[in-house]
Each structure stands twice: as C-alpha cells, then as structure tokens.
C-alpha cells in the first residue's frame, strides 16, 4: 500500500517484481524450506520424541532460525546471512515462515530467542539452537544450486539435539 496516496501497491518493494510473481516466490521458498527442514529432521530421527525442556527449546529455536535463514536466502539478494533487509523483504520472509509454522509456534520460538539469558544453561541452549541459522543459510545455497545436502547439514539438527540432551 502506498501510504501517501492510500492506493494498493502494484508491485513489491523487492526490485520491482510484480506482486503475483513475488507471491509465487514466497510460496516456493516456504515449500523448499519446509522440505529441507523435514529432511534434516528425518536424519535426526528423534523416534521417541523430544525429551527434556532444553531439547524442546533447542528444537524450536533451531527450526525458527533454519526456516528464517533458508527463506532469507531464497527471497533476498543477500550475499551474507547477516545482511540487513528492507521491511518488505522481512515481511516476505515472515510470510514464508508462517506458511510452515503456526502463529503460536512462531510466537513461542521468538519468545525463546528473546528470553533473557538468566543462566549459562539457557544461554547455551539458545546458542545451540542458533546454529539453525547457519545451517538454513547453507542449505538454501545448496538448494539453489541443486546440490544434495552433505552429512554436516543433514546431521546438524541431530548434533544440536544431542548437545541439548547433555544440558538436561
């Protein structure tokens, strides 16, 4: 929406891409991110489910960061995972992630990420979960090139969950 004229926007703020095309890009990024996360979640094969408070915390944080970074790489022209984004690109990324996670899952993950680190264990759990950002960024780059995920990427969630199990 154009705030000066109150008219609907005809194209997205991202490089003048028409709205319909941008919506298609968001849907593609969301689907690709979901499939990639499912692939590494299968590799983690937490058969009995997540046990312990810290393992659940790490999983939620890792998933949030993974999906966000994956969609960021797919929807932006960033060359580095910590590049600043425009508000429109940030909203596109949020839209893509919200196609995978429910609103409550997003709120829970964001709250966990923002929680003050009142203990070393909480800080360590958040740091382990934050690895998802790097993994998501690399996975998206491999996806864009049509490459398979190497073992380091496929087993990243399994490693994070194993590390979080030791925190309990």
N, C-alpha and C. Protein backbone atom coordinates (compact mmCIF):
# COMPACT_ATOMS: atom_id res chain seq x y z
N UNK A 1 0.84 -1.18 0.00
CA UNK A 1 0.00 0.00 0.00
C UNK A 1 0.88 1.23 0.00
N UNK A 2 0.52 2.18 -0.79
CA UNK A 2 1.21 3.45 -0.83
C UNK A 2 0.61 4.32 0.27
N UNK A 3 1.43 4.66 1.27
CA UNK A 3 0.91 5.40 2.42
C UNK A 3 0.58 6.85 2.10
N UNK A 4 1.14 7.39 1.04
CA UNK A 4 0.85 8.77 0.68
C UNK A 4 -0.49 8.90 -0.05
N UNK A 5 -0.77 7.95 -0.95
CA UNK A 5 -1.99 8.05 -1.75
C UNK A 5 -3.08 7.09 -1.29
N UNK A 6 -2.78 6.19 -0.40
CA UNK A 6 -3.70 5.17 0.11
C UNK A 6 -4.13 4.19 -0.98
N UNK A 7 -3.36 4.10 -2.08
CA UNK A 7 -3.65 3.16 -3.15
C UNK A 7 -2.94 1.83 -2.87
N UNK A 8 -3.49 0.76 -3.43
CA UNK A 8 -2.84 -0.54 -3.31
C UNK A 8 -1.57 -0.54 -4.15
N UNK A 9 -0.56 -1.18 -3.64
CA UNK A 9 0.70 -1.27 -4.37
C UNK A 9 0.54 -2.25 -5.53
N UNK A 10 1.17 -1.92 -6.63
CA UNK A 10 1.07 -2.79 -7.80
C UNK A 10 2.25 -3.74 -7.90
N UNK A 11 3.33 -3.41 -7.31
CA UNK A 11 4.48 -4.32 -7.33
C UNK A 11 5.12 -4.32 -5.96
N UNK A 12 5.88 -5.36 -5.70
CA UNK A 12 6.51 -5.47 -4.40
C UNK A 12 7.72 -4.54 -4.35
N UNK A 13 8.18 -4.26 -3.15
CA UNK A 13 9.31 -3.37 -2.97
C UNK A 13 10.61 -4.04 -3.36
N UNK A 14 10.57 -5.31 -3.59
CA UNK A 14 11.79 -6.05 -3.88
C UNK A 14 12.07 -6.04 -5.38
N UNK A 15 12.88 -5.10 -5.80
CA UNK A 15 13.37 -4.99 -7.18
C UNK A 15 12.26 -4.85 -8.20
N UNK A 16 11.13 -4.29 -7.87
CA UNK A 16 10.07 -4.09 -8.83
C UNK A 16 9.44 -5.37 -9.37
N UNK A 17 9.52 -6.44 -8.62
CA UNK A 17 8.94 -7.71 -9.04
C UNK A 17 7.42 -7.62 -8.89
N UNK A 18 6.66 -8.00 -9.93
CA UNK A 18 5.20 -7.95 -9.82
C UNK A 18 4.71 -8.79 -8.63
N UNK A 19 3.61 -8.35 -8.03
CA UNK A 19 3.10 -8.97 -6.82
C UNK A 19 2.83 -10.46 -6.99
N UNK A 20 2.20 -10.85 -8.07
CA UNK A 20 1.88 -12.27 -8.28
C UNK A 20 3.14 -13.11 -8.34
N UNK A 21 4.17 -12.59 -9.00
CA UNK A 21 5.43 -13.33 -9.10
C UNK A 21 6.08 -13.43 -7.72
N UNK A 22 6.01 -12.34 -6.95
CA UNK A 22 6.61 -12.35 -5.61
C UNK A 22 5.87 -13.34 -4.72
N UNK A 23 4.55 -13.39 -4.82
CA UNK A 23 3.77 -14.35 -4.04
C UNK A 23 4.19 -15.77 -4.39
N UNK A 24 4.42 -16.01 -5.66
CA UNK A 24 4.87 -17.33 -6.11
C UNK A 24 6.25 -17.65 -5.52
N UNK A 25 7.14 -16.67 -5.49
CA UNK A 25 8.47 -16.85 -4.91
C UNK A 25 8.37 -17.17 -3.42
N UNK A 26 7.47 -16.49 -2.74
CA UNK A 26 7.29 -16.74 -1.30
C UNK A 26 6.80 -18.16 -1.07
N UNK A 27 5.84 -18.60 -1.86
CA UNK A 27 5.32 -19.97 -1.74
C UNK A 27 6.40 -21.00 -2.04
N UNK A 28 7.21 -20.75 -3.06
CA UNK A 28 8.29 -21.67 -3.40
C UNK A 28 9.33 -21.73 -2.27
N UNK A 29 9.69 -20.58 -1.74
CA UNK A 29 10.66 -20.54 -0.65
C UNK A 29 10.14 -21.30 0.57
N UNK A 30 8.87 -21.09 0.87
CA UNK A 30 8.25 -21.76 2.01
C UNK A 30 8.25 -23.28 1.83
N UNK A 31 7.85 -23.74 0.65
CA UNK A 31 7.80 -25.18 0.38
C UNK A 31 9.19 -25.79 0.42
N UNK A 32 10.15 -25.10 -0.16
CA UNK A 32 11.53 -25.61 -0.17
C UNK A 32 12.10 -25.65 1.25
N UNK A 33 11.83 -24.62 2.04
CA UNK A 33 12.33 -24.58 3.42
C UNK A 33 11.71 -25.70 4.24
N UNK A 34 10.41 -25.92 4.07
CA UNK A 34 9.73 -26.99 4.81
C UNK A 34 10.30 -28.35 4.43
N UNK A 35 10.50 -28.59 3.14
CA UNK A 35 11.05 -29.88 2.69
C UNK A 35 12.47 -30.08 3.20
N UNK A 36 13.27 -29.02 3.18
CA UNK A 36 14.64 -29.12 3.67
C UNK A 36 14.68 -29.41 5.16
N UNK A 37 13.81 -28.73 5.92
CA UNK A 37 13.80 -28.98 7.36
C UNK A 37 13.33 -30.40 7.65
N UNK A 38 12.32 -30.87 6.93
CA UNK A 38 11.85 -32.24 7.12
C UNK A 38 12.97 -33.24 6.85
N UNK A 39 13.80 -32.94 5.85
CA UNK A 39 14.91 -33.83 5.52
C UNK A 39 15.91 -33.93 6.67
N UNK A 40 16.27 -32.78 7.25
CA UNK A 40 17.23 -32.86 8.35
C UNK A 40 16.57 -33.37 9.64
N UNK A 41 15.27 -33.15 9.78
CA UNK A 41 14.55 -33.69 10.95
C UNK A 41 14.49 -35.22 10.87
N UNK A 42 14.30 -35.74 9.65
CA UNK A 42 14.31 -37.20 9.47
C UNK A 42 15.67 -37.77 9.82
N UNK A 43 16.72 -37.06 9.43
CA UNK A 43 18.08 -37.51 9.72
C UNK A 43 18.33 -37.51 11.22
N UNK A 44 17.67 -36.59 11.92
CA UNK A 44 17.82 -36.54 13.38
C UNK A 44 17.08 -37.69 14.04
N UNK A 45 16.06 -38.18 13.37
CA UNK A 45 15.23 -39.32 13.80
C UNK A 45 15.09 -39.44 15.30
N UNK A 46 14.46 -38.44 15.86
CA UNK A 46 14.18 -38.47 17.29
C UNK A 46 12.93 -39.29 17.52
N UNK A 47 13.08 -40.60 17.33
CA UNK A 47 11.97 -41.55 17.38
C UNK A 47 11.02 -41.41 18.55
N UNK A 48 11.53 -41.36 19.73
CA UNK A 48 10.68 -41.29 20.92
C UNK A 48 10.20 -39.87 21.18
N UNK A 49 10.58 -38.95 20.31
CA UNK A 49 10.17 -37.57 20.51
C UNK A 49 11.22 -36.81 21.28
N UNK A 50 10.94 -35.55 21.47
CA UNK A 50 11.87 -34.70 22.19
C UNK A 50 11.68 -34.89 23.68
N UNK A 51 12.78 -35.07 24.37
CA UNK A 51 12.71 -35.25 25.82
C UNK A 51 13.44 -34.10 26.49
N UNK A 52 12.89 -33.63 27.52
CA UNK A 52 13.54 -32.58 28.30
C UNK A 52 13.25 -31.18 27.79
N UNK A 53 13.26 -30.27 28.73
CA UNK A 53 12.96 -28.87 28.45
C UNK A 53 13.96 -28.25 27.48
N UNK A 54 15.23 -28.53 27.67
CA UNK A 54 16.24 -27.90 26.83
C UNK A 54 16.24 -28.46 25.42
N UNK A 55 15.94 -29.75 25.26
CA UNK A 55 15.88 -30.32 23.93
C UNK A 55 14.72 -29.71 23.13
N UNK A 56 13.58 -29.53 23.78
CA UNK A 56 12.44 -28.89 23.11
C UNK A 56 12.77 -27.44 22.76
N UNK A 57 13.46 -26.77 23.67
CA UNK A 57 13.85 -25.38 23.45
C UNK A 57 14.78 -25.27 22.25
N UNK A 58 15.79 -26.12 22.23
CA UNK A 58 16.77 -26.10 21.13
C UNK A 58 16.08 -26.42 19.81
N UNK A 59 15.18 -27.39 19.80
CA UNK A 59 14.47 -27.75 18.57
C UNK A 59 13.68 -26.56 18.04
N UNK A 60 12.93 -25.89 18.91
CA UNK A 60 12.11 -24.74 18.49
C UNK A 60 12.97 -23.61 17.95
N UNK A 61 14.05 -23.31 18.64
CA UNK A 61 14.94 -22.23 18.22
C UNK A 61 15.64 -22.59 16.92
N UNK A 62 16.14 -23.82 16.83
CA UNK A 62 16.83 -24.28 15.62
C UNK A 62 15.90 -24.20 14.42
N UNK A 63 14.68 -24.70 14.59
CA UNK A 63 13.71 -24.70 13.49
C UNK A 63 13.40 -23.28 13.04
N UNK A 64 13.17 -22.38 14.00
CA UNK A 64 12.87 -20.98 13.67
C UNK A 64 14.02 -20.35 12.87
N UNK A 65 15.24 -20.51 13.38
CA UNK A 65 16.39 -19.93 12.70
C UNK A 65 16.61 -20.57 11.33
N UNK A 66 16.47 -21.88 11.24
CA UNK A 66 16.67 -22.59 9.99
C UNK A 66 15.71 -22.07 8.92
N UNK A 67 14.42 -22.07 9.26
CA UNK A 67 13.41 -21.62 8.29
C UNK A 67 13.61 -20.16 7.90
N UNK A 68 13.92 -19.32 8.87
CA UNK A 68 14.13 -17.89 8.59
C UNK A 68 15.33 -17.68 7.67
N UNK A 69 16.43 -18.33 7.97
CA UNK A 69 17.64 -18.17 7.15
C UNK A 69 17.44 -18.74 5.75
N UNK A 70 16.79 -19.90 5.67
CA UNK A 70 16.54 -20.52 4.38
C UNK A 70 15.70 -19.59 3.51
N UNK A 71 14.62 -19.08 4.07
CA UNK A 71 13.74 -18.18 3.32
C UNK A 71 14.42 -16.85 3.00
N UNK A 72 15.27 -16.37 3.89
CA UNK A 72 16.01 -15.14 3.64
C UNK A 72 16.87 -15.30 2.41
N UNK A 73 17.59 -16.40 2.33
CA UNK A 73 18.47 -16.61 1.18
C UNK A 73 17.66 -16.76 -0.11
N UNK A 74 16.52 -17.42 -0.02
CA UNK A 74 15.71 -17.64 -1.21
C UNK A 74 15.00 -16.37 -1.68
N UNK A 75 14.67 -15.48 -0.76
CA UNK A 75 13.85 -14.31 -1.11
C UNK A 75 14.61 -13.00 -1.21
N UNK A 76 15.87 -13.01 -0.87
CA UNK A 76 16.64 -11.77 -0.93
C UNK A 76 17.83 -11.96 -1.84
N UNK A 77 18.47 -10.89 -2.12
CA UNK A 77 19.67 -10.96 -2.94
C UNK A 77 20.89 -10.80 -2.04
N UNK A 78 20.77 -11.20 -0.80
CA UNK A 78 21.86 -11.07 0.16
C UNK A 78 23.02 -11.97 -0.22
N UNK A 79 24.20 -11.46 0.01
CA UNK A 79 25.39 -12.27 -0.21
C UNK A 79 25.94 -12.79 1.11
N UNK A 80 25.42 -12.28 2.19
CA UNK A 80 25.85 -12.71 3.52
C UNK A 80 24.62 -12.89 4.38
N UNK A 81 24.63 -13.86 5.27
CA UNK A 81 23.44 -14.18 6.04
C UNK A 81 23.06 -13.10 7.06
N UNK A 82 23.94 -12.17 7.34
CA UNK A 82 23.63 -11.12 8.31
C UNK A 82 23.38 -9.77 7.65
N UNK A 83 23.22 -9.76 6.32
CA UNK A 83 22.89 -8.51 5.62
C UNK A 83 21.56 -7.98 6.12
N UNK A 84 21.44 -6.66 6.14
CA UNK A 84 20.18 -6.04 6.52
C UNK A 84 19.18 -6.16 5.38
N UNK A 85 17.91 -6.30 5.72
CA UNK A 85 16.85 -6.45 4.73
C UNK A 85 15.92 -5.24 4.80
N UNK A 86 15.24 -4.99 3.70
CA UNK A 86 14.20 -3.97 3.72
C UNK A 86 13.02 -4.52 4.51
N UNK A 87 12.14 -3.65 4.91
CA UNK A 87 10.95 -4.07 5.63
C UNK A 87 10.11 -5.02 4.78
N UNK A 88 9.99 -4.73 3.49
CA UNK A 88 9.19 -5.59 2.61
C UNK A 88 9.77 -6.98 2.52
N UNK A 89 11.08 -7.10 2.37
CA UNK A 89 11.71 -8.42 2.30
C UNK A 89 11.54 -9.15 3.63
N UNK A 90 11.66 -8.43 4.73
CA UNK A 90 11.45 -9.04 6.04
C UNK A 90 10.03 -9.59 6.17
N UNK A 91 9.06 -8.84 5.68
CA UNK A 91 7.67 -9.30 5.72
C UNK A 91 7.47 -10.51 4.81
N UNK A 92 8.14 -10.52 3.67
CA UNK A 92 8.06 -11.67 2.77
C UNK A 92 8.62 -12.92 3.45
N UNK A 93 9.73 -12.76 4.15
CA UNK A 93 10.36 -13.88 4.86
C UNK A 93 9.41 -14.38 5.95
N UNK A 94 8.85 -13.46 6.70
CA UNK A 94 7.90 -13.84 7.75
C UNK A 94 6.70 -14.58 7.15
N UNK A 95 6.21 -14.10 6.02
CA UNK A 95 5.08 -14.76 5.35
C UNK A 95 5.44 -16.19 4.96
N UNK A 96 6.64 -16.37 4.44
CA UNK A 96 7.07 -17.71 4.02
C UNK A 96 7.19 -18.63 5.23
N UNK A 97 7.77 -18.14 6.31
CA UNK A 97 7.92 -18.97 7.51
C UNK A 97 6.55 -19.29 8.12
N UNK A 98 5.64 -18.33 8.07
CA UNK A 98 4.31 -18.56 8.65
C UNK A 98 3.47 -19.54 7.83
N UNK A 99 3.92 -19.87 6.63
CA UNK A 99 3.25 -20.92 5.86
C UNK A 99 3.66 -22.31 6.37
N UNK A 100 4.76 -22.37 7.11
CA UNK A 100 5.27 -23.64 7.64
C UNK A 100 4.88 -23.80 9.11
N UNK A 101 5.04 -22.74 9.89
CA UNK A 101 4.77 -22.79 11.33
C UNK A 101 3.45 -22.10 11.64
N UNK A 102 2.80 -22.56 12.69
CA UNK A 102 1.58 -21.89 13.14
C UNK A 102 1.96 -20.59 13.85
N UNK A 103 0.99 -19.73 14.03
CA UNK A 103 1.24 -18.47 14.72
C UNK A 103 1.78 -18.70 16.13
N UNK A 104 1.22 -19.69 16.83
CA UNK A 104 1.68 -19.97 18.20
C UNK A 104 3.11 -20.52 18.19
N UNK A 105 3.47 -21.32 17.19
CA UNK A 105 4.85 -21.83 17.11
C UNK A 105 5.82 -20.69 16.84
N UNK A 106 5.42 -19.75 16.00
CA UNK A 106 6.27 -18.59 15.72
C UNK A 106 6.45 -17.75 16.97
N UNK A 107 5.35 -17.46 17.65
CA UNK A 107 5.42 -16.66 18.88
C UNK A 107 6.28 -17.34 19.93
N UNK A 108 6.11 -18.65 20.10
CA UNK A 108 6.90 -19.40 21.08
C UNK A 108 8.38 -19.33 20.73
N UNK A 109 8.71 -19.56 19.47
CA UNK A 109 10.12 -19.53 19.04
C UNK A 109 10.73 -18.15 19.25
N UNK A 110 9.99 -17.12 18.87
CA UNK A 110 10.51 -15.77 19.02
C UNK A 110 10.69 -15.41 20.49
N UNK A 111 9.78 -15.87 21.32
CA UNK A 111 9.91 -15.61 22.76
C UNK A 111 11.14 -16.32 23.33
N UNK A 112 11.39 -17.55 22.88
CA UNK A 112 12.57 -18.29 23.35
C UNK A 112 13.86 -17.59 22.92
N UNK A 113 13.86 -17.09 21.71
CA UNK A 113 15.04 -16.41 21.19
C UNK A 113 15.30 -15.12 21.98
N UNK A 114 14.24 -14.41 22.33
CA UNK A 114 14.37 -13.13 23.03
C UNK A 114 14.54 -13.26 24.54
N UNK A 115 14.32 -14.45 25.07
CA UNK A 115 14.39 -14.63 26.52
C UNK A 115 15.76 -14.21 27.05
N UNK A 116 15.73 -13.47 28.15
CA UNK A 116 16.97 -13.06 28.78
C UNK A 116 17.71 -14.30 29.27
N UNK A 117 18.98 -14.31 29.04
CA UNK A 117 19.81 -15.45 29.42
C UNK A 117 20.16 -15.34 30.90
N UNK A 118 19.31 -15.91 31.72
CA UNK A 118 19.49 -15.79 33.16
C UNK A 118 20.43 -16.84 33.73
N UNK A 119 20.79 -17.81 32.92
CA UNK A 119 21.74 -18.83 33.38
C UNK A 119 22.61 -19.25 32.21
N UNK A 120 23.73 -19.86 32.53
CA UNK A 120 24.63 -20.35 31.48
C UNK A 120 23.95 -21.43 30.64
N UNK A 121 23.11 -22.24 31.29
CA UNK A 121 22.45 -23.33 30.58
C UNK A 121 21.45 -22.78 29.56
N UNK A 122 20.68 -21.77 29.95
CA UNK A 122 19.75 -21.15 29.00
C UNK A 122 20.50 -20.52 27.84
N UNK A 123 21.57 -19.85 28.15
CA UNK A 123 22.39 -19.23 27.11
C UNK A 123 22.97 -20.27 26.17
N UNK A 124 23.42 -21.36 26.74
CA UNK A 124 23.99 -22.45 25.92
C UNK A 124 22.93 -23.08 25.03
N UNK A 125 21.73 -23.29 25.56
CA UNK A 125 20.63 -23.86 24.78
C UNK A 125 20.28 -22.95 23.61
N UNK A 126 20.24 -21.64 23.84
CA UNK A 126 19.94 -20.70 22.77
C UNK A 126 21.06 -20.68 21.72
N UNK A 127 22.31 -20.76 22.18
CA UNK A 127 23.43 -20.78 21.24
C UNK A 127 23.40 -22.04 20.37
N UNK A 128 23.07 -23.15 20.96
CA UNK A 128 22.99 -24.41 20.20
C UNK A 128 21.87 -24.30 19.17
N UNK A 129 20.72 -23.78 19.57
CA UNK A 129 19.60 -23.62 18.65
C UNK A 129 19.90 -22.63 17.54
N UNK A 130 20.69 -21.61 17.85
CA UNK A 130 21.01 -20.59 16.86
C UNK A 130 21.85 -21.13 15.71
N UNK A 131 22.42 -22.31 15.88
CA UNK A 131 23.16 -22.94 14.77
C UNK A 131 22.25 -23.15 13.56
N UNK A 132 20.95 -23.21 13.82
CA UNK A 132 20.00 -23.40 12.74
C UNK A 132 20.09 -22.31 11.69
N UNK A 133 20.52 -21.11 12.08
CA UNK A 133 20.62 -20.00 11.13
C UNK A 133 21.68 -20.30 10.08
N UNK A 134 22.85 -20.71 10.51
CA UNK A 134 23.92 -21.04 9.58
C UNK A 134 23.54 -22.24 8.72
N UNK A 135 22.95 -23.24 9.34
CA UNK A 135 22.56 -24.45 8.62
C UNK A 135 21.50 -24.11 7.56
N UNK A 136 20.52 -23.29 7.91
CA UNK A 136 19.48 -22.89 6.97
C UNK A 136 20.05 -22.10 5.80
N UNK A 137 20.99 -21.21 6.09
CA UNK A 137 21.60 -20.40 5.04
C UNK A 137 22.37 -21.29 4.05
N UNK A 138 23.18 -22.19 4.58
CA UNK A 138 23.97 -23.08 3.73
C UNK A 138 23.04 -24.02 2.95
N UNK A 139 22.03 -24.56 3.61
CA UNK A 139 21.09 -25.46 2.95
C UNK A 139 20.37 -24.77 1.79
N UNK A 140 20.00 -23.52 1.97
CA UNK A 140 19.33 -22.77 0.90
C UNK A 140 20.27 -22.56 -0.28
N UNK A 141 21.54 -22.28 0.01
CA UNK A 141 22.52 -22.12 -1.06
C UNK A 141 22.69 -23.40 -1.85
N UNK A 142 22.73 -24.53 -1.16
CA UNK A 142 22.85 -25.83 -1.83
C UNK A 142 21.59 -26.12 -2.64
N UNK A 143 20.43 -25.78 -2.06
CA UNK A 143 19.16 -25.98 -2.76
C UNK A 143 19.13 -25.16 -4.05
N UNK A 144 19.57 -23.92 -3.99
CA UNK A 144 19.58 -23.06 -5.18
C UNK A 144 20.46 -23.64 -6.28
N UNK A 145 21.55 -24.30 -5.88
CA UNK A 145 22.48 -24.90 -6.85
C UNK A 145 22.04 -26.30 -7.28
N UNK A 146 20.98 -26.82 -6.64
CA UNK A 146 20.51 -28.16 -6.98
C UNK A 146 21.38 -29.27 -6.41
N UNK A 147 22.11 -28.98 -5.35
CA UNK A 147 23.01 -29.96 -4.74
C UNK A 147 22.34 -30.70 -3.59
N UNK A 148 22.78 -31.91 -3.34
CA UNK A 148 22.33 -32.66 -2.17
C UNK A 148 22.98 -32.08 -0.92
N UNK A 149 22.34 -32.29 0.22
CA UNK A 149 22.92 -31.82 1.47
C UNK A 149 24.01 -32.79 1.91
N UNK A 150 25.18 -32.27 2.27
CA UNK A 150 26.22 -33.15 2.81
C UNK A 150 25.85 -33.59 4.23
N UNK A 151 26.57 -34.55 4.75
CA UNK A 151 26.31 -35.08 6.08
C UNK A 151 26.30 -34.02 7.17
N UNK A 152 27.16 -33.01 7.03
CA UNK A 152 27.24 -31.97 8.06
C UNK A 152 25.92 -31.22 8.18
N UNK A 153 25.26 -31.00 7.06
CA UNK A 153 23.98 -30.30 7.08
C UNK A 153 22.87 -31.25 7.54
N UNK A 154 22.85 -32.45 6.98
CA UNK A 154 21.80 -33.41 7.34
C UNK A 154 21.82 -33.76 8.81
N UNK A 155 22.99 -33.76 9.41
CA UNK A 155 23.12 -34.17 10.81
C UNK A 155 23.22 -33.01 11.78
N UNK A 156 23.04 -31.79 11.29
CA UNK A 156 23.18 -30.62 12.16
C UNK A 156 22.13 -30.60 13.27
N UNK A 157 20.88 -30.91 12.93
CA UNK A 157 19.83 -30.93 13.95
C UNK A 157 20.08 -32.07 14.94
N UNK A 158 20.49 -33.22 14.44
CA UNK A 158 20.79 -34.35 15.33
C UNK A 158 21.90 -33.96 16.32
N UNK A 159 22.92 -33.26 15.82
CA UNK A 159 24.00 -32.81 16.70
C UNK A 159 23.53 -31.81 17.73
N UNK A 160 22.67 -30.88 17.30
CA UNK A 160 22.14 -29.87 18.22
C UNK A 160 21.29 -30.53 19.31
N UNK A 161 20.47 -31.49 18.90
CA UNK A 161 19.62 -32.18 19.89
C UNK A 161 20.45 -33.03 20.84
N UNK A 162 21.51 -33.65 20.33
CA UNK A 162 22.40 -34.45 21.19
C UNK A 162 23.10 -33.54 22.21
N UNK A 163 23.53 -32.38 21.74
CA UNK A 163 24.19 -31.44 22.64
C UNK A 163 23.22 -30.92 23.69
N UNK A 164 21.96 -30.69 23.28
CA UNK A 164 20.97 -30.18 24.24
C UNK A 164 20.58 -31.25 25.26
N UNK A 165 20.67 -32.50 24.87
CA UNK A 165 20.35 -33.58 25.80
C UNK A 165 21.31 -33.58 26.98
N UNK A 166 22.54 -33.20 26.72
CA UNK A 166 23.56 -33.14 27.78
C UNK A 166 23.30 -31.98 28.73
N UNK A 167 22.46 -30.99 28.31
CA UNK A 167 22.15 -29.85 29.18
C UNK A 167 21.14 -30.22 30.27
N UNK A 168 20.32 -31.25 30.00
CA UNK A 168 19.29 -31.62 30.96
C UNK A 168 19.85 -32.10 32.28
